[in-house]
Amino acid sequence: MKSRLRELRSAQGWSQGELASRIGVSRQTINAIEQEKYDPSLPLAFKLAQVFSLPIEAIFTPNDD
């Protein structure tokens, strides 16, 4: 799954650790999502959408494979 997470996080001036703390996950989880090595669960996707005040679809898009 493609993600705009790094772009959105950087625009807020947050480190991976700061974002992780805001949503209750590890920094490694944020890194894995940004590297497209891990697809977040639906509850985690909702938390990310909430912290950025965006719909999930504005953060994540499916890969075209």
C-alpha atoms as a PDB file:
ATOM      1  CA  MET A   1       0.000   0.000   0.000  1.00  0.00           C
ATOM      2  CA  LYS A   2       1.326   3.420  -0.933  1.00  0.00           C
ATOM      3  CA  SER A   3       1.417   6.022   1.788  1.00  0.00           C
ATOM      4  CA  ARG A   4       1.786   9.796   2.058  1.00  0.00           C
ATOM      5  CA  LEU A   5       2.710   9.381   5.712  1.00  0.00           C
ATOM      6  CA  ARG A   6       6.276  10.699   5.449  1.00  0.00           C
ATOM      7  CA  GLU A   7       5.137  13.767   3.517  1.00  0.00           C
ATOM      8  CA  LEU A   8       2.334  14.525   5.984  1.00  0.00           C
ATOM      9  CA  ARG A   9       4.523  13.913   9.031  1.00  0.00           C
ATOM     10  CA  SER A  10       7.291  16.146   7.687  1.00  0.00           C
ATOM     11  CA  ALA A  11       4.805  18.928   6.927  1.00  0.00           C
ATOM     12  CA  GLN A  12       3.879  18.914  10.624  1.00  0.00           C
ATOM     13  CA  GLY A  13       7.540  18.963  11.641  1.00  0.00           C
ATOM     14  CA  TRP A  14       7.175  15.685  13.553  1.00  0.00           C
ATOM     15  CA  SER A  15       9.796  12.972  13.869  1.00  0.00           C
ATOM     16  CA  GLN A  16       8.789   9.355  13.430  1.00  0.00           C
ATOM     17  CA  GLY A  17       9.000   9.011  17.211  1.00  0.00           C
ATOM     18  CA  GLU A  18       6.698  11.971  17.805  1.00  0.00           C
ATOM     19  CA  LEU A  19       4.055  10.617  15.441  1.00  0.00           C
ATOM     20  CA  ALA A  20       4.387   7.151  16.959  1.00  0.00           C
ATOM     21  CA  SER A  21       3.839   8.590  20.430  1.00  0.00           C
ATOM     22  CA  ARG A  22       0.738  10.487  19.297  1.00  0.00           C
ATOM     23  CA  ILE A  23      -0.953   7.309  18.052  1.00  0.00           C
ATOM     24  CA  GLY A  24       0.459   4.762  20.489  1.00  0.00           C
ATOM     25  CA  VAL A  25       2.770   2.676  18.287  1.00  0.00           C
ATOM     26  CA  SER A  26       6.533   2.246  17.999  1.00  0.00           C
ATOM     27  CA  ARG A  27       8.780   4.391  15.838  1.00  0.00           C
ATOM     28  CA  GLN A  28       9.645   1.214  13.941  1.00  0.00           C
ATOM     29  CA  THR A  29       5.986   0.808  12.969  1.00  0.00           C
ATOM     30  CA  ILE A  30       5.903   4.318  11.506  1.00  0.00           C
ATOM     31  CA  ASN A  31       9.157   3.625   9.662  1.00  0.00           C
ATOM     32  CA  ALA A  32       7.817   0.345   8.231  1.00  0.00           C
ATOM     33  CA  ILE A  33       4.630   2.049   7.002  1.00  0.00           C
ATOM     34  CA  GLU A  34       6.643   4.862   5.401  1.00  0.00           C
ATOM     35  CA  GLN A  35       8.926   2.309   3.714  1.00  0.00           C
ATOM     36  CA  GLU A  36       5.825   0.439   2.447  1.00  0.00           C
ATOM     37  CA  LYS A  37       7.008  -2.702   4.242  1.00  0.00           C
ATOM     38  CA  TYR A  38       3.934  -2.853   6.498  1.00  0.00           C
ATOM     39  CA  ASP A  39       0.271  -2.164   5.806  1.00  0.00           C
ATOM     40  CA  PRO A  40      -1.434  -0.704   8.876  1.00  0.00           C
ATOM     41  CA  SER A  41      -4.466  -2.336  10.427  1.00  0.00           C
ATOM     42  CA  LEU A  42      -7.761  -0.554   9.918  1.00  0.00           C
ATOM     43  CA  PRO A  43      -7.816   0.808  13.508  1.00  0.00           C
ATOM     44  CA  LEU A  44      -4.272   2.154  13.042  1.00  0.00           C
ATOM     45  CA  ALA A  45      -5.196   3.710   9.693  1.00  0.00           C
ATOM     46  CA  PHE A  46      -8.128   5.449  11.413  1.00  0.00           C
ATOM     47  CA  LYS A  47      -5.805   6.797  14.140  1.00  0.00           C
ATOM     48  CA  LEU A  48      -3.451   8.174  11.504  1.00  0.00           C
ATOM     49  CA  ALA A  49      -6.331   9.739   9.605  1.00  0.00           C
ATOM     50  CA  GLN A  50      -7.584  11.330  12.814  1.00  0.00           C
ATOM     51  CA  VAL A  51      -4.210  12.790  13.815  1.00  0.00           C
ATOM     52  CA  PHE A  52      -3.867  14.427  10.383  1.00  0.00           C
ATOM     53  CA  SER A  53      -7.588  15.337  10.112  1.00  0.00           C
ATOM     54  CA  LEU A  54      -7.783  13.601   6.738  1.00  0.00           C
ATOM     55  CA  PRO A  55      -9.785  10.695   5.322  1.00  0.00           C
ATOM     56  CA  ILE A  56      -7.882   7.410   5.158  1.00  0.00           C
ATOM     57  CA  GLU A  57      -7.988   7.586   1.346  1.00  0.00           C
ATOM     58  CA  ALA A  58      -5.976  10.823   1.452  1.00  0.00           C
ATOM     59  CA  ILE A  59      -3.142   9.035   3.262  1.00  0.00           C
ATOM     60  CA  PHE A  60      -3.169   5.524   1.785  1.00  0.00           C
ATOM     61  CA  THR A  61      -3.736   4.224  -1.725  1.00  0.00           C
ATOM     62  CA  PRO A  62      -3.553   0.627  -2.956  1.00  0.00           C
ATOM     63  CA  ASN A  63      -0.600  -0.523  -5.033  1.00  0.00           C
ATOM     64  CA  ASP A  64      -1.419  -1.060  -8.671  1.00  0.00           C
ATOM     65  CA  ASP A  65      -0.247  -4.671  -8.869  1.00  0.00           C
END
